Amino acid sequence: MFELYVSPASIMEKIFFFTCSYSPAQRVSGGGRLKGEGEDIEVVETILENAANMVATGEIVDAVVLIQYMSARTRAPRSV
């Protein structure tokens, strides 16, 4: 959907934001962590409206840009 630099002018790390569709049959595990690298990833599935509310209350503090972007796109009138 879009890409952003994490911290322009200090590091060159870029994040690519994307969405996709999947079915429960395609899941291969409960999450995406690599224990050996100290990752602690929690998979939370919810609808966009709930995610936007979770951002507003501070319950979600990462992926904020993607949630806000998607929320704005779904509210924007679509041109024909």
Foldseek 3Di string as FASTA:
>chain_A
DDKDAPDPPPDRDMDDDDDDDDDPVPDPDQDDDDVVVVDDDHDDDDDLVVVQVCVVVVVDDPPNVVSVVVVVVVPDDDDD
